[in-house]
PDB file of N, CA and C in Angstrom:
ATOM      1  N   MET A   1      13.377 -22.742 -50.351  1.00  0.00           N
ATOM      2  CA  MET A   1      12.638 -23.857 -50.929  1.00  0.00           C
ATOM      3  C   MET A   1      13.562 -24.816 -51.670  1.00  0.00           C
ATOM      4  N   ASP A   2      14.839 -24.513 -51.752  1.00  0.00           N
ATOM      5  CA  ASP A   2      15.769 -25.391 -52.459  1.00  0.00           C
ATOM      6  C   ASP A   2      16.129 -26.652 -51.681  1.00  0.00           C
ATOM      7  N   ARG A   3      15.906 -26.642 -50.366  1.00  0.00           N
ATOM      8  CA  ARG A   3      16.308 -27.794 -49.567  1.00  0.00           C
ATOM      9  C   ARG A   3      15.397 -28.999 -49.786  1.00  0.00           C
ATOM     10  N   PHE A   4      14.113 -28.784 -50.039  1.00  0.00           N
ATOM     11  CA  PHE A   4      13.171 -29.889 -50.179  1.00  0.00           C
ATOM     12  C   PHE A   4      12.663 -30.004 -51.608  1.00  0.00           C
ATOM     13  N   GLU A   5      12.475 -31.248 -52.057  1.00  0.00           N
ATOM     14  CA  GLU A   5      11.956 -31.504 -53.399  1.00  0.00           C
ATOM     15  C   GLU A   5      10.735 -32.407 -53.293  1.00  0.00           C
ATOM     16  N   LYS A   6       9.638 -31.988 -53.919  1.00  0.00           N
ATOM     17  CA  LYS A   6       8.437 -32.823 -53.954  1.00  0.00           C
ATOM     18  C   LYS A   6       8.636 -33.866 -55.041  1.00  0.00           C
ATOM     19  N   VAL A   7       8.573 -35.155 -54.655  1.00  0.00           N
ATOM     20  CA  VAL A   7       8.817 -36.235 -55.608  1.00  0.00           C
ATOM     21  C   VAL A   7       7.557 -37.024 -55.948  1.00  0.00           C
ATOM     22  N   TYR A   8       6.470 -36.802 -55.195  1.00  0.00           N
ATOM     23  CA  TYR A   8       5.219 -37.525 -55.452  1.00  0.00           C
ATOM     24  C   TYR A   8       4.066 -36.701 -54.928  1.00  0.00           C
ATOM     25  N   SER A   9       2.948 -36.713 -55.657  1.00  0.00           N
ATOM     26  CA  SER A   9       1.756 -36.003 -55.220  1.00  0.00           C
ATOM     27  C   SER A   9       0.518 -36.698 -55.767  1.00  0.00           C
ATOM     28  N   GLN A  10      -0.518 -36.802 -54.932  1.00  0.00           N
ATOM     29  CA  GLN A  10      -1.801 -37.329 -55.392  1.00  0.00           C
ATOM     30  C   GLN A  10      -2.918 -36.609 -54.653  1.00  0.00           C
ATOM     31  N   GLY A  11      -4.035 -36.428 -55.335  1.00  0.00           N
ATOM     32  CA  GLY A  11      -5.209 -35.820 -54.727  1.00  0.00           C
ATOM     33  C   GLY A  11      -5.291 -34.321 -54.932  1.00  0.00           C
ATOM     34  N   VAL A  12      -6.503 -33.793 -54.681  1.00  0.00           N
ATOM     35  CA  VAL A  12      -6.757 -32.366 -54.796  1.00  0.00           C
ATOM     36  C   VAL A  12      -7.233 -31.821 -53.454  1.00  0.00           C
ATOM     37  N   ILE A  13      -8.274 -32.428 -52.889  1.00  0.00           N
ATOM     38  CA  ILE A  13      -8.771 -32.010 -51.580  1.00  0.00           C
ATOM     39  C   ILE A  13      -8.137 -32.886 -50.498  1.00  0.00           C
ATOM     40  N   ASP A  14      -8.032 -34.158 -50.768  1.00  0.00           N
ATOM     41  CA  ASP A  14      -7.390 -35.119 -49.872  1.00  0.00           C
ATOM     42  C   ASP A  14      -5.999 -35.378 -50.455  1.00  0.00           C
ATOM     43  N   ILE A  15      -4.993 -34.651 -49.967  1.00  0.00           N
ATOM     44  CA  ILE A  15      -3.671 -34.615 -50.604  1.00  0.00           C
ATOM     45  C   ILE A  15      -2.660 -35.448 -49.824  1.00  0.00           C
ATOM     46  N   MET A  16      -1.862 -36.218 -50.558  1.00  0.00           N
ATOM     47  CA  MET A  16      -0.699 -36.903 -49.997  1.00  0.00           C
ATOM     48  C   MET A  16       0.483 -36.580 -50.900  1.00  0.00           C
ATOM     49  N   GLU A  17       1.596 -36.166 -50.266  1.00  0.00           N
ATOM     50  CA  GLU A  17       2.804 -35.838 -51.016  1.00  0.00           C
ATOM     51  C   GLU A  17       4.011 -36.440 -50.308  1.00  0.00           C
ATOM     52  N   ILE A  18       5.028 -36.766 -51.090  1.00  0.00           N
ATOM     53  CA  ILE A  18       6.305 -37.197 -50.525  1.00  0.00           C
ATOM     54  C   ILE A  18       7.331 -36.140 -50.896  1.00  0.00           C
ATOM     55  N   TRP A  19       8.039 -35.665 -49.873  1.00  0.00           N
ATOM     56  CA  TRP A  19       9.081 -34.650 -50.020  1.00  0.00           C
ATOM     57  C   TRP A  19      10.408 -35.247 -49.595  1.00  0.00           C
ATOM     58  N   VAL A  20      11.489 -34.900 -50.295  1.00  0.00           N
ATOM     59  CA  VAL A  20      12.825 -35.375 -49.941  1.00  0.00           C
ATOM     60  C   VAL A  20      13.675 -34.187 -49.505  1.00  0.00           C
ATOM     61  N   ASP A  21      14.330 -34.343 -48.364  1.00  0.00           N
ATOM     62  CA  ASP A  21      15.287 -33.356 -47.877  1.00  0.00           C
ATOM     63  C   ASP A  21      16.567 -33.558 -48.676  1.00  0.00           C
ATOM     64  N   ARG A  22      16.959 -32.593 -49.468  1.00  0.00           N
ATOM     65  CA  ARG A  22      18.131 -32.716 -50.339  1.00  0.00           C
ATOM     66  C   ARG A  22      19.442 -32.789 -49.560  1.00  0.00           C
ATOM     67  N   GLU A  23      19.462 -32.344 -48.319  1.00  0.00           N
ATOM     68  CA  GLU A  23      20.697 -32.397 -47.531  1.00  0.00           C
ATOM     69  C   GLU A  23      20.902 -33.746 -46.855  1.00  0.00           C
ATOM     70  N   THR A  24      19.823 -34.387 -46.413  1.00  0.00           N
ATOM     71  CA  THR A  24      19.946 -35.656 -45.688  1.00  0.00           C
ATOM     72  C   THR A  24      19.444 -36.854 -46.486  1.00  0.00           C
ATOM     73  N   GLY A  25      18.603 -36.627 -47.500  1.00  0.00           N
ATOM     74  CA  GLY A  25      18.011 -37.713 -48.269  1.00  0.00           C
ATOM     75  C   GLY A  25      16.775 -38.310 -47.627  1.00  0.00           C
ATOM     76  N   ILE A  26      16.394 -37.841 -46.428  1.00  0.00           N
ATOM     77  CA  ILE A  26      15.234 -38.395 -45.716  1.00  0.00           C
ATOM     78  C   ILE A  26      13.939 -37.998 -46.425  1.00  0.00           C
ATOM     79  N   ASN A  27      13.042 -38.986 -46.572  1.00  0.00           N
ATOM     80  CA  ASN A  27      11.738 -38.783 -47.199  1.00  0.00           C
ATOM     81  C   ASN A  27      10.696 -38.472 -46.139  1.00  0.00           C
ATOM     82  N   TYR A  28       9.806 -37.526 -46.443  1.00  0.00           N
ATOM     83  CA  TYR A  28       8.728 -37.134 -45.537  1.00  0.00           C
ATOM     84  C   TYR A  28       7.392 -37.274 -46.244  1.00  0.00           C
ATOM     85  N   LEU A  29       6.382 -37.692 -45.497  1.00  0.00           N
ATOM     86  CA  LEU A  29       5.024 -37.785 -46.011  1.00  0.00           C
ATOM     87  C   LEU A  29       4.235 -36.596 -45.495  1.00  0.00           C
ATOM     88  N   TRP A  30       3.659 -35.834 -46.416  1.00  0.00           N
ATOM     89  CA  TRP A  30       2.776 -34.711 -46.085  1.00  0.00           C
ATOM     90  C   TRP A  30       1.367 -35.151 -46.408  1.00  0.00           C
ATOM     91  N   ARG A  31       0.456 -35.045 -45.452  1.00  0.00           N
ATOM     92  CA  ARG A  31      -0.952 -35.421 -45.645  1.00  0.00           C
ATOM     93  C   ARG A  31      -1.801 -34.204 -45.317  1.00  0.00           C
ATOM     94  N   GLN A  32      -2.693 -33.842 -46.223  1.00  0.00           N
ATOM     95  CA  GLN A  32      -3.578 -32.699 -46.001  1.00  0.00           C
ATOM     96  C   GLN A  32      -4.986 -33.078 -46.412  1.00  0.00           C
ATOM     97  N   LYS A  33      -5.952 -32.721 -45.567  1.00  0.00           N
ATOM     98  CA  LYS A  33      -7.360 -32.925 -45.882  1.00  0.00           C
ATOM     99  C   LYS A  33      -8.092 -31.683 -45.409  1.00  0.00           C
ATOM    100  N   GLY A  34      -8.608 -30.912 -46.355  1.00  0.00           N
ATOM    101  CA  GLY A  34      -9.273 -29.660 -45.995  1.00  0.00           C
ATOM    102  C   GLY A  34      -8.268 -28.678 -45.425  1.00  0.00           C
ATOM    103  N   ASN A  35      -8.578 -28.167 -44.227  1.00  0.00           N
ATOM    104  CA  ASN A  35      -7.704 -27.191 -43.578  1.00  0.00           C
ATOM    105  C   ASN A  35      -6.699 -27.819 -42.617  1.00  0.00           C
ATOM    106  N   SER A  36      -6.662 -29.142 -42.528  1.00  0.00           N
ATOM    107  CA  SER A  36      -5.745 -29.826 -41.605  1.00  0.00           C
ATOM    108  C   SER A  36      -4.658 -30.542 -42.381  1.00  0.00           C
ATOM    109  N   GLY A  37      -3.487 -30.642 -41.775  1.00  0.00           N
ATOM    110  CA  GLY A  37      -2.393 -31.346 -42.424  1.00  0.00           C
ATOM    111  C   GLY A  37      -1.351 -31.772 -41.423  1.00  0.00           C
ATOM    112  N   GLY A  38      -0.458 -32.648 -41.865  1.00  0.00           N
ATOM    113  CA  GLY A  38       0.614 -33.108 -40.990  1.00  0.00           C
ATOM    114  C   GLY A  38       1.773 -33.653 -41.792  1.00  0.00           C
ATOM    115  N   LEU A  39       2.950 -33.610 -41.187  1.00  0.00           N
ATOM    116  CA  LEU A  39       4.195 -34.051 -41.815  1.00  0.00           C
ATOM    117  C   LEU A  39       4.854 -35.076 -40.905  1.00  0.00           C
ATOM    118  N   THR A  40       5.349 -36.165 -41.485  1.00  0.00           N
ATOM    119  CA  THR A  40       6.034 -37.191 -40.705  1.00  0.00           C
ATOM    120  C   THR A  40       7.106 -37.829 -41.578  1.00  0.00           C
ATOM    121  N   PRO A  41       8.206 -38.302 -40.973  1.00  0.00           N
ATOM    122  CA  PRO A  41       9.192 -39.020 -41.774  1.00  0.00           C
ATOM    123  C   PRO A  41       8.589 -40.330 -42.273  1.00  0.00           C
ATOM    124  N   LEU A  42       8.940 -40.703 -43.472  1.00  0.00           N
ATOM    125  CA  LEU A  42       8.497 -41.966 -44.050  1.00  0.00           C
ATOM    126  C   LEU A  42       9.432 -43.055 -43.526  1.00  0.00           C
ATOM    127  N   LEU A  43       8.884 -44.127 -42.952  1.00  0.00           N
ATOM    128  CA  LEU A  43       9.697 -45.172 -42.330  1.00  0.00           C
ATOM    129  C   LEU A  43       9.621 -46.482 -43.112  1.00  0.00           C
ATOM    130  N   ASN A  44      10.721 -47.246 -43.069  1.00  0.00           N
ATOM    131  CA  ASN A  44      10.731 -48.562 -43.718  1.00  0.00           C
ATOM    132  C   ASN A  44      10.208 -49.618 -42.748  1.00  0.00           C
ATOM    133  N   GLU A  45      10.272 -50.868 -43.129  1.00  0.00           N
ATOM    134  CA  GLU A  45       9.720 -51.956 -42.318  1.00  0.00           C
ATOM    135  C   GLU A  45      10.448 -52.139 -40.992  1.00  0.00           C
ATOM    136  N   ASN A  46      11.670 -51.602 -40.862  1.00  0.00           N
ATOM    137  CA  ASN A  46      12.439 -51.705 -39.619  1.00  0.00           C
ATOM    138  C   ASN A  46      12.308 -50.467 -38.744  1.00  0.00           C
ATOM    139  N   GLY A  47      11.461 -49.513 -39.149  1.00  0.00           N
ATOM    140  CA  GLY A  47      11.269 -48.300 -38.373  1.00  0.00           C
ATOM    141  C   GLY A  47      12.324 -47.233 -38.616  1.00  0.00           C
ATOM    142  N   GLN A  48      13.179 -47.449 -39.610  1.00  0.00           N
ATOM    143  CA  GLN A  48      14.216 -46.482 -39.966  1.00  0.00           C
ATOM    144  C   GLN A  48      13.687 -45.544 -41.051  1.00  0.00           C
ATOM    145  N   PRO A  49      14.164 -44.291 -41.096  1.00  0.00           N
ATOM    146  CA  PRO A  49      13.709 -43.363 -42.140  1.00  0.00           C
ATOM    147  C   PRO A  49      14.090 -43.860 -43.538  1.00  0.00           C
ATOM    148  N   VAL A  50      13.189 -43.663 -44.481  1.00  0.00           N
ATOM    149  CA  VAL A  50      13.488 -43.976 -45.878  1.00  0.00           C
ATOM    150  C   VAL A  50      14.417 -42.879 -46.388  1.00  0.00           C
ATOM    151  N   ILE A  51      15.568 -43.281 -46.948  1.00  0.00           N
ATOM    152  CA  ILE A  51      16.555 -42.323 -47.428  1.00  0.00           C
ATOM    153  C   ILE A  51      16.766 -42.527 -48.919  1.00  0.00           C
ATOM    154  N   THR A  52      16.643 -41.447 -49.678  1.00  0.00           N
ATOM    155  CA  THR A  52      16.926 -41.474 -51.108  1.00  0.00           C
ATOM    156  C   THR A  52      18.431 -41.308 -51.269  1.00  0.00           C
ATOM    157  N   LYS A  53      19.086 -42.344 -51.765  1.00  0.00           N
ATOM    158  CA  LYS A  53      20.551 -42.374 -51.860  1.00  0.00           C
ATOM    159  C   LYS A  53      21.124 -41.214 -52.665  1.00  0.00           C
ATOM    160  N   GLN A  54      20.389 -40.764 -53.672  1.00  0.00           N
ATOM    161  CA  GLN A  54      20.835 -39.671 -54.529  1.00  0.00           C
ATOM    162  C   GLN A  54      21.205 -38.435 -53.706  1.00  0.00           C
ATOM    163  N   TYR A  55      20.502 -38.197 -52.590  1.00  0.00           N
ATOM    164  CA  TYR A  55      20.732 -37.020 -51.759  1.00  0.00           C
ATOM    165  C   TYR A  55      21.464 -37.349 -50.460  1.00  0.00           C
ATOM    166  N   SER A  56      21.655 -38.619 -50.183  1.00  0.00           N
ATOM    167  CA  SER A  56      22.225 -39.032 -48.902  1.00  0.00           C
ATOM    168  C   SER A  56      23.625 -38.463 -48.699  1.00  0.00           C
ATOM    169  N   VAL A  57      23.897 -38.023 -47.462  1.00  0.00           N
ATOM    170  CA  VAL A  57      25.222 -37.508 -47.113  1.00  0.00           C
ATOM    171  C   VAL A  57      26.239 -38.639 -47.111  1.00  0.00           C
ATOM    172  N   ASN A  58      25.781 -39.852 -46.778  1.00  0.00           N
ATOM    173  CA  ASN A  58      26.667 -41.026 -46.690  1.00  0.00           C
ATOM    174  C   ASN A  58      26.602 -41.859 -47.955  1.00  0.00           C
ATOM    175  N   LYS A  59      26.706 -41.268 -49.109  1.00  0.00           N
ATOM    176  CA  LYS A  59      26.585 -41.985 -50.399  1.00  0.00           C
ATOM    177  C   LYS A  59      27.575 -43.114 -50.511  1.00  0.00           C
TER     178      LYS A  59
END
């Protein structure tokens, strides 16, 4: 569990969270509603993954 860090969370039943991969800096959006959920990379306006510089390999 050390590789990923939850940086944002909202909701109780209808949950949205943002997780950052500490090795690559890539941000992921986790969406859960009831018993269903899904994970996807968070993308910027150009379709590129959002990268948190603090964790980026290419600092």
